[in-house]
Amino acid sequence: MNFCLRQFNFFPIPLVKLVAPRDVVFECGPKCGCGPDCGNRVSQCGIKYKLQVFRMPDKGWAVRTLEKIPEGAPVCEYIGTLKRSDEVENDTDNSYFFEIDCKQTINEIEGRERRLCHVPLPTSSSVDTETTETEPEFCIDAGSYGNVARFINHSCEPNLFVQCVLSGHHDIRLARVVLFAATDICPYQELTYDYGYQLDSVIGADGNIKHMSCHCGEPNCRKRLY
């Protein structure tokens, strides 16, 4: 039987744009009767804006837009290989891991802050929001396979925000990670998002805490990435 997620009020209006992050966003999936042009599938439509990878003196690789991106528009999904977090925890040379921490964020675990807005999750047992796990169970590894998102730098005052999106299933441990525009972004402006590291949270192979300086250059820069 075909059905549309919007009929169950998981997301009450078509997701044309998203101006503030939420705990999780439900989009239409493969079991919905709608087509690819549905307004509640916008993050599934691929990259719509011209983006350019370039080099910066202090940051290395970076990404900028070649055209204006309006506030609330989905910019790109963080693409990579889905792995269990415990499989990669000792790979300290790979900096392209993105933890899927939707479950921990909803429960405000390990100092994680909730999204600016939250939506009621469906009452179905297929969605489990309670957890005793302090660390995300899964991550996206873009070290050897990914897209342009792997080159987007951190900023303490970013112009993108991270949004967890569900479409083909309701398992928030395996949510898709999509970057949305937090404000209107002008052509040739660098794209950035907050990596969300906690200070002193990264441990090197030698067992010592690693430090990395932040070079975002924003007035309220925290001076350290981790």
C-alpha atoms as a PDB file:
ATOM      1  CA  MET A   1       0.000   0.000   0.000  1.00  0.00           C
ATOM      2  CA  ASN A   2       1.387   3.386  -0.984  1.00  0.00           C
ATOM      3  CA  PHE A   3       1.451   6.104   1.619  1.00  0.00           C
ATOM      4  CA  CYS A   4       3.064   9.455   2.180  1.00  0.00           C
ATOM      5  CA  LEU A   5       4.843  10.394   5.397  1.00  0.00           C
ATOM      6  CA  ARG A   6       3.092  13.742   5.401  1.00  0.00           C
ATOM      7  CA  GLN A   7      -0.235  11.994   5.947  1.00  0.00           C
ATOM      8  CA  PHE A   8       1.016  11.038   9.427  1.00  0.00           C
ATOM      9  CA  ASN A   9       2.122  14.592  10.256  1.00  0.00           C
ATOM     10  CA  PHE A  10       5.768  13.614  10.726  1.00  0.00           C
ATOM     11  CA  PHE A  11       6.549  16.867   8.927  1.00  0.00           C
ATOM     12  CA  PRO A  12       3.365  18.913   8.477  1.00  0.00           C
ATOM     13  CA  ILE A  13       4.371  20.959   5.439  1.00  0.00           C
ATOM     14  CA  PRO A  14       6.479  20.181   2.356  1.00  0.00           C
ATOM     15  CA  LEU A  15      10.151  20.678   3.112  1.00  0.00           C
ATOM     16  CA  VAL A  16      10.777  23.437   0.557  1.00  0.00           C
ATOM     17  CA  LYS A  17      13.333  25.025   2.871  1.00  0.00           C
ATOM     18  CA  LEU A  18      14.480  24.658   6.452  1.00  0.00           C
ATOM     19  CA  VAL A  19      15.479  27.835   8.273  1.00  0.00           C
ATOM     20  CA  ALA A  20      16.478  26.234  11.593  1.00  0.00           C
ATOM     21  CA  PRO A  21      17.822  22.787  12.516  1.00  0.00           C
ATOM     22  CA  ARG A  22      15.495  20.208  14.038  1.00  0.00           C
ATOM     23  CA  ASP A  23      16.133  16.993  15.928  1.00  0.00           C
ATOM     24  CA  VAL A  24      15.233  15.066  12.803  1.00  0.00           C
ATOM     25  CA  VAL A  25      13.340  15.718   9.569  1.00  0.00           C
ATOM     26  CA  PHE A  26      11.129  13.094   7.922  1.00  0.00           C
ATOM     27  CA  GLU A  27      11.000  13.125   4.136  1.00  0.00           C
ATOM     28  CA  CYS A  28       8.961  10.986   1.781  1.00  0.00           C
ATOM     29  CA  GLY A  29      10.569   7.647   1.003  1.00  0.00           C
ATOM     30  CA  PRO A  30      10.359   4.711  -1.405  1.00  0.00           C
ATOM     31  CA  LYS A  31       6.999   3.562   0.011  1.00  0.00           C
ATOM     32  CA  CYS A  32       5.338   6.913  -0.634  1.00  0.00           C
ATOM     33  CA  GLY A  33       3.103   7.333  -3.640  1.00  0.00           C
ATOM     34  CA  CYS A  34       4.654  10.657  -4.666  1.00  0.00           C
ATOM     35  CA  GLY A  35       7.357  11.146  -7.291  1.00  0.00           C
ATOM     36  CA  PRO A  36      10.849  12.705  -7.309  1.00  0.00           C
ATOM     37  CA  ASP A  37       9.381  16.205  -7.751  1.00  0.00           C
ATOM     38  CA  CYS A  38       7.593  16.020  -4.387  1.00  0.00           C
ATOM     39  CA  GLY A  39       8.309  19.057  -2.205  1.00  0.00           C
ATOM     40  CA  ASN A  40       9.088  16.759   0.705  1.00  0.00           C
ATOM     41  CA  ARG A  41      12.086  15.175  -1.048  1.00  0.00           C
ATOM     42  CA  VAL A  42      14.267  18.234  -1.551  1.00  0.00           C
ATOM     43  CA  SER A  43      17.349  16.870   0.219  1.00  0.00           C
ATOM     44  CA  GLN A  44      17.245  13.805  -2.047  1.00  0.00           C
ATOM     45  CA  CYS A  45      17.581  15.825  -5.248  1.00  0.00           C
ATOM     46  CA  GLY A  46      21.368  16.058  -5.241  1.00  0.00           C
ATOM     47  CA  ILE A  47      23.518  19.184  -5.365  1.00  0.00           C
ATOM     48  CA  LYS A  48      21.621  22.024  -7.063  1.00  0.00           C
ATOM     49  CA  TYR A  49      24.174  24.827  -6.679  1.00  0.00           C
ATOM     50  CA  LYS A  50      27.537  25.258  -8.378  1.00  0.00           C
ATOM     51  CA  LEU A  51      30.224  24.548  -5.804  1.00  0.00           C
ATOM     52  CA  GLN A  52      33.982  24.790  -6.179  1.00  0.00           C
ATOM     53  CA  VAL A  53      36.781  23.089  -4.249  1.00  0.00           C
ATOM     54  CA  PHE A  54      39.802  25.367  -3.789  1.00  0.00           C
ATOM     55  CA  ARG A  55      42.879  25.825  -1.594  1.00  0.00           C
ATOM     56  CA  MET A  56      43.285  28.280   1.284  1.00  0.00           C
ATOM     57  CA  PRO A  57      46.647  29.142   2.934  1.00  0.00           C
ATOM     58  CA  ASP A  58      45.720  28.205   6.523  1.00  0.00           C
ATOM     59  CA  LYS A  59      42.893  25.727   5.949  1.00  0.00           C
ATOM     60  CA  GLY A  60      43.987  23.593   3.021  1.00  0.00           C
ATOM     61  CA  TRP A  61      41.096  22.397   0.893  1.00  0.00           C
ATOM     62  CA  ALA A  62      37.879  24.404   1.140  1.00  0.00           C
ATOM     63  CA  VAL A  63      34.559  24.761  -0.681  1.00  0.00           C
ATOM     64  CA  ARG A  64      32.823  27.904  -1.938  1.00  0.00           C
ATOM     65  CA  THR A  65      29.651  28.524  -3.873  1.00  0.00           C
ATOM     66  CA  LEU A  66      29.708  30.097  -7.329  1.00  0.00           C
ATOM     67  CA  GLU A  67      26.118  31.289  -7.054  1.00  0.00           C
ATOM     68  CA  LYS A  68      23.775  32.591  -4.405  1.00  0.00           C
ATOM     69  CA  ILE A  69      22.306  30.000  -2.047  1.00  0.00           C
ATOM     70  CA  PRO A  70      19.111  31.111  -0.264  1.00  0.00           C
ATOM     71  CA  GLU A  71      18.615  30.614   3.455  1.00  0.00           C
ATOM     72  CA  GLY A  72      17.114  27.241   4.297  1.00  0.00           C
ATOM     73  CA  ALA A  73      18.164  25.513   1.077  1.00  0.00           C
ATOM     74  CA  PRO A  74      19.733  22.034   1.230  1.00  0.00           C
ATOM     75  CA  VAL A  75      23.304  22.368  -0.043  1.00  0.00           C
ATOM     76  CA  CYS A  76      24.716  18.847  -0.002  1.00  0.00           C
ATOM     77  CA  GLU A  77      24.601  15.547   1.839  1.00  0.00           C
ATOM     78  CA  TYR A  78      27.663  14.210   3.645  1.00  0.00           C
ATOM     79  CA  ILE A  79      28.413  11.109   1.594  1.00  0.00           C
ATOM     80  CA  GLY A  80      30.732   8.263   2.510  1.00  0.00           C
ATOM     81  CA  THR A  81      30.859   4.651   3.625  1.00  0.00           C
ATOM     82  CA  LEU A  82      28.624   3.699   6.547  1.00  0.00           C
ATOM     83  CA  LYS A  83      30.682   2.073   9.297  1.00  0.00           C
ATOM     84  CA  ARG A  84      30.344   1.157  12.936  1.00  0.00           C
ATOM     85  CA  SER A  85      32.083   3.742  15.101  1.00  0.00           C
ATOM     86  CA  ASP A  86      34.068   1.137  17.025  1.00  0.00           C
ATOM     87  CA  GLU A  87      35.614  -0.042  13.747  1.00  0.00           C
ATOM     88  CA  VAL A  88      37.279   3.306  13.086  1.00  0.00           C
ATOM     89  CA  GLU A  89      37.975   4.681  16.569  1.00  0.00           C
ATOM     90  CA  ASN A  90      41.694   3.859  16.292  1.00  0.00           C
ATOM     91  CA  ASP A  91      42.116   5.353  12.816  1.00  0.00           C
ATOM     92  CA  THR A  92      43.582   8.669  13.998  1.00  0.00           C
ATOM     93  CA  ASP A  93      44.988   9.555  10.559  1.00  0.00           C
ATOM     94  CA  ASN A  94      41.556   9.794   8.956  1.00  0.00           C
ATOM     95  CA  SER A  95      39.801  13.111   9.673  1.00  0.00           C
ATOM     96  CA  TYR A  96      36.801  12.466   7.412  1.00  0.00           C
ATOM     97  CA  PHE A  97      34.545  10.664   9.895  1.00  0.00           C
ATOM     98  CA  PHE A  98      31.100  12.119  10.568  1.00  0.00           C
ATOM     99  CA  GLU A  99      29.379  10.619  13.602  1.00  0.00           C
ATOM    100  CA  ILE A 100      25.639  10.105  13.204  1.00  0.00           C
ATOM    101  CA  ASP A 101      24.780  11.492  16.629  1.00  0.00           C
ATOM    102  CA  CYS A 102      21.077  12.204  16.103  1.00  0.00           C
ATOM    103  CA  LYS A 103      20.117   9.808  18.913  1.00  0.00           C
ATOM    104  CA  GLN A 104      22.619  11.338  21.349  1.00  0.00           C
ATOM    105  CA  THR A 105      21.612  14.894  20.427  1.00  0.00           C
ATOM    106  CA  ILE A 106      17.925  14.219  21.062  1.00  0.00           C
ATOM    107  CA  ASN A 107      18.816  12.861  24.505  1.00  0.00           C
ATOM    108  CA  GLU A 108      21.413  15.608  25.174  1.00  0.00           C
ATOM    109  CA  ILE A 109      24.127  13.079  25.976  1.00  0.00           C
ATOM    110  CA  GLU A 110      27.817  13.973  26.498  1.00  0.00           C
ATOM    111  CA  GLY A 111      27.133  17.704  26.465  1.00  0.00           C
ATOM    112  CA  ARG A 112      25.423  17.651  23.077  1.00  0.00           C
ATOM    113  CA  GLU A 113      22.903  20.426  22.588  1.00  0.00           C
ATOM    114  CA  ARG A 114      19.516  19.777  21.036  1.00  0.00           C
ATOM    115  CA  ARG A 115      18.677  21.303  17.687  1.00  0.00           C
ATOM    116  CA  LEU A 116      17.048  24.721  17.754  1.00  0.00           C
ATOM    117  CA  CYS A 117      13.667  23.183  16.988  1.00  0.00           C
ATOM    118  CA  HIS A 118      12.424  19.671  17.662  1.00  0.00           C
ATOM    119  CA  VAL A 119       9.587  17.692  16.157  1.00  0.00           C
ATOM    120  CA  PRO A 120       7.545  14.933  17.805  1.00  0.00           C
ATOM    121  CA  LEU A 121       8.830  11.536  16.734  1.00  0.00           C
ATOM    122  CA  PRO A 122       6.309   8.904  15.661  1.00  0.00           C
ATOM    123  CA  THR A 123       5.063   6.677  18.457  1.00  0.00           C
ATOM    124  CA  SER A 124       5.837   3.552  16.451  1.00  0.00           C
ATOM    125  CA  SER A 125       8.261   1.135  18.094  1.00  0.00           C
ATOM    126  CA  SER A 126      10.369   1.401  14.935  1.00  0.00           C
ATOM    127  CA  VAL A 127      11.802   4.655  16.315  1.00  0.00           C
ATOM    128  CA  ASP A 128      13.887   4.329  19.456  1.00  0.00           C
ATOM    129  CA  THR A 129      14.907   7.614  21.056  1.00  0.00           C
ATOM    130  CA  GLU A 130      15.911   6.268  24.474  1.00  0.00           C
ATOM    131  CA  THR A 131      19.551   5.297  24.766  1.00  0.00           C
ATOM    132  CA  THR A 132      22.207   4.591  27.341  1.00  0.00           C
ATOM    133  CA  GLU A 133      24.955   4.769  24.727  1.00  0.00           C
ATOM    134  CA  THR A 134      27.155   7.835  25.140  1.00  0.00           C
ATOM    135  CA  GLU A 135      28.769   7.538  21.714  1.00  0.00           C
ATOM    136  CA  PRO A 136      27.125   7.226  18.294  1.00  0.00           C
ATOM    137  CA  GLU A 137      26.950   3.639  17.077  1.00  0.00           C
ATOM    138  CA  PHE A 138      27.498   4.477  13.408  1.00  0.00           C
ATOM    139  CA  CYS A 139      29.485   7.007  11.408  1.00  0.00           C
ATOM    140  CA  ILE A 140      30.018   8.077   7.807  1.00  0.00           C
ATOM    141  CA  ASP A 141      33.596   7.577   6.590  1.00  0.00           C
ATOM    142  CA  ALA A 142      34.450   9.858   3.660  1.00  0.00           C
ATOM    143  CA  GLY A 143      38.169   9.080   3.819  1.00  0.00           C
ATOM    144  CA  SER A 144      38.327   7.016   0.637  1.00  0.00           C
ATOM    145  CA  TYR A 145      34.863   7.613  -0.813  1.00  0.00           C
ATOM    146  CA  GLY A 146      32.756  10.744  -0.580  1.00  0.00           C
ATOM    147  CA  ASN A 147      31.643  13.941  -2.260  1.00  0.00           C
ATOM    148  CA  VAL A 148      32.338  17.672  -2.017  1.00  0.00           C
ATOM    149  CA  ALA A 149      31.055  17.791   1.564  1.00  0.00           C
ATOM    150  CA  ARG A 150      34.273  16.192   2.839  1.00  0.00           C
ATOM    151  CA  PHE A 151      36.168  19.373   1.910  1.00  0.00           C
ATOM    152  CA  ILE A 152      33.878  21.833   3.738  1.00  0.00           C
ATOM    153  CA  ASN A 153      35.746  23.452   6.618  1.00  0.00           C
ATOM    154  CA  HIS A 154      34.777  24.151  10.206  1.00  0.00           C
ATOM    155  CA  SER A 155      33.789  27.616  11.420  1.00  0.00           C
ATOM    156  CA  CYS A 156      32.809  28.880  14.858  1.00  0.00           C
ATOM    157  CA  GLU A 157      30.217  31.078  13.095  1.00  0.00           C
ATOM    158  CA  PRO A 158      29.195  28.894  10.126  1.00  0.00           C
ATOM    159  CA  ASN A 159      26.822  29.590   7.253  1.00  0.00           C
ATOM    160  CA  LEU A 160      25.597  25.966   7.101  1.00  0.00           C
ATOM    161  CA  PHE A 161      23.967  23.771   9.728  1.00  0.00           C
ATOM    162  CA  VAL A 162      23.790  20.000  10.091  1.00  0.00           C
ATOM    163  CA  GLN A 163      20.428  18.279   9.746  1.00  0.00           C
ATOM    164  CA  CYS A 164      19.612  14.595  10.294  1.00  0.00           C
ATOM    165  CA  VAL A 165      17.089  13.367   7.710  1.00  0.00           C
ATOM    166  CA  LEU A 166      15.090  10.132   7.538  1.00  0.00           C
ATOM    167  CA  SER A 167      13.388   8.978   4.347  1.00  0.00           C
ATOM    168  CA  GLY A 168      13.617   5.250   3.659  1.00  0.00           C
ATOM    169  CA  HIS A 169      13.406   4.094   7.292  1.00  0.00           C
ATOM    170  CA  HIS A 170      12.879   5.367  10.867  1.00  0.00           C
ATOM    171  CA  ASP A 171      16.188   4.313  12.446  1.00  0.00           C
ATOM    172  CA  ILE A 172      17.737   7.543  13.757  1.00  0.00           C
ATOM    173  CA  ARG A 173      21.035   5.734  14.333  1.00  0.00           C
ATOM    174  CA  LEU A 174      21.331   5.592  10.532  1.00  0.00           C
ATOM    175  CA  ALA A 175      19.979   9.028   9.618  1.00  0.00           C
ATOM    176  CA  ARG A 176      21.277  10.784   6.533  1.00  0.00           C
ATOM    177  CA  VAL A 177      23.359  13.890   7.247  1.00  0.00           C
ATOM    178  CA  VAL A 178      22.476  16.937   5.139  1.00  0.00           C
ATOM    179  CA  LEU A 179      23.962  20.443   5.261  1.00  0.00           C
ATOM    180  CA  PHE A 180      21.491  23.328   4.936  1.00  0.00           C
ATOM    181  CA  ALA A 181      22.129  27.053   4.423  1.00  0.00           C
ATOM    182  CA  ALA A 182      21.789  28.888   7.747  1.00  0.00           C
ATOM    183  CA  THR A 183      21.610  32.251   5.981  1.00  0.00           C
ATOM    184  CA  ASP A 184      21.686  33.702   2.470  1.00  0.00           C
ATOM    185  CA  ILE A 185      25.116  32.822   1.066  1.00  0.00           C
ATOM    186  CA  CYS A 186      26.625  35.097  -1.579  1.00  0.00           C
ATOM    187  CA  PRO A 187      28.586  33.889  -4.618  1.00  0.00           C
ATOM    188  CA  TYR A 188      32.264  33.057  -3.948  1.00  0.00           C
ATOM    189  CA  GLN A 189      31.669  32.840  -0.197  1.00  0.00           C
ATOM    190  CA  GLU A 190      33.290  29.877   1.553  1.00  0.00           C
ATOM    191  CA  LEU A 191      30.902  27.241   2.907  1.00  0.00           C
ATOM    192  CA  THR A 192      31.401  26.206   6.539  1.00  0.00           C
ATOM    193  CA  TYR A 193      29.680  24.330   9.334  1.00  0.00           C
ATOM    194  CA  ASP A 194      30.470  23.739  13.011  1.00  0.00           C
ATOM    195  CA  TYR A 195      32.217  20.380  13.420  1.00  0.00           C
ATOM    196  CA  GLY A 196      30.916  20.242  16.977  1.00  0.00           C
ATOM    197  CA  TYR A 197      34.032  18.888  18.671  1.00  0.00           C
ATOM    198  CA  GLN A 198      34.292  19.130  22.437  1.00  0.00           C
ATOM    199  CA  LEU A 199      37.627  20.461  23.653  1.00  0.00           C
ATOM    200  CA  ASP A 200      40.071  17.753  24.734  1.00  0.00           C
ATOM    201  CA  SER A 201      37.849  15.055  23.223  1.00  0.00           C
ATOM    202  CA  VAL A 202      40.271  13.756  20.566  1.00  0.00           C
ATOM    203  CA  ILE A 203      42.832  11.175  21.685  1.00  0.00           C
ATOM    204  CA  GLY A 204      45.867  10.361  19.538  1.00  0.00           C
ATOM    205  CA  ALA A 205      47.405   6.949  18.867  1.00  0.00           C
ATOM    206  CA  ASP A 206      49.859   7.594  21.705  1.00  0.00           C
ATOM    207  CA  GLY A 207      47.004   8.013  24.178  1.00  0.00           C
ATOM    208  CA  ASN A 208      47.547  11.741  24.596  1.00  0.00           C
ATOM    209  CA  ILE A 209      44.939  14.439  24.016  1.00  0.00           C
ATOM    210  CA  LYS A 210      45.315  16.080  20.611  1.00  0.00           C
ATOM    211  CA  HIS A 211      44.951  19.828  20.048  1.00  0.00           C
ATOM    212  CA  MET A 212      44.131  21.536  16.757  1.00  0.00           C
ATOM    213  CA  SER A 213      43.964  25.291  16.308  1.00  0.00           C
ATOM    214  CA  CYS A 214      40.982  26.871  14.590  1.00  0.00           C
ATOM    215  CA  HIS A 215      41.690  29.205  11.672  1.00  0.00           C
ATOM    216  CA  CYS A 216      38.133  30.231  10.824  1.00  0.00           C
ATOM    217  CA  GLY A 217      38.959  33.901  11.489  1.00  0.00           C
ATOM    218  CA  GLU A 218      35.541  34.742  12.924  1.00  0.00           C
ATOM    219  CA  PRO A 219      35.302  37.433  15.657  1.00  0.00           C
ATOM    220  CA  ASN A 220      34.030  34.879  18.187  1.00  0.00           C
ATOM    221  CA  CYS A 221      36.427  32.106  17.169  1.00  0.00           C
ATOM    222  CA  ARG A 222      37.007  29.559  19.941  1.00  0.00           C
ATOM    223  CA  LYS A 223      40.706  29.400  18.886  1.00  0.00           C
ATOM    224  CA  ARG A 224      40.694  25.591  19.011  1.00  0.00           C
ATOM    225  CA  LEU A 225      38.881  23.052  16.890  1.00  0.00           C
ATOM    226  CA  TYR A 226      39.400  20.361  19.544  1.00  0.00           C
END
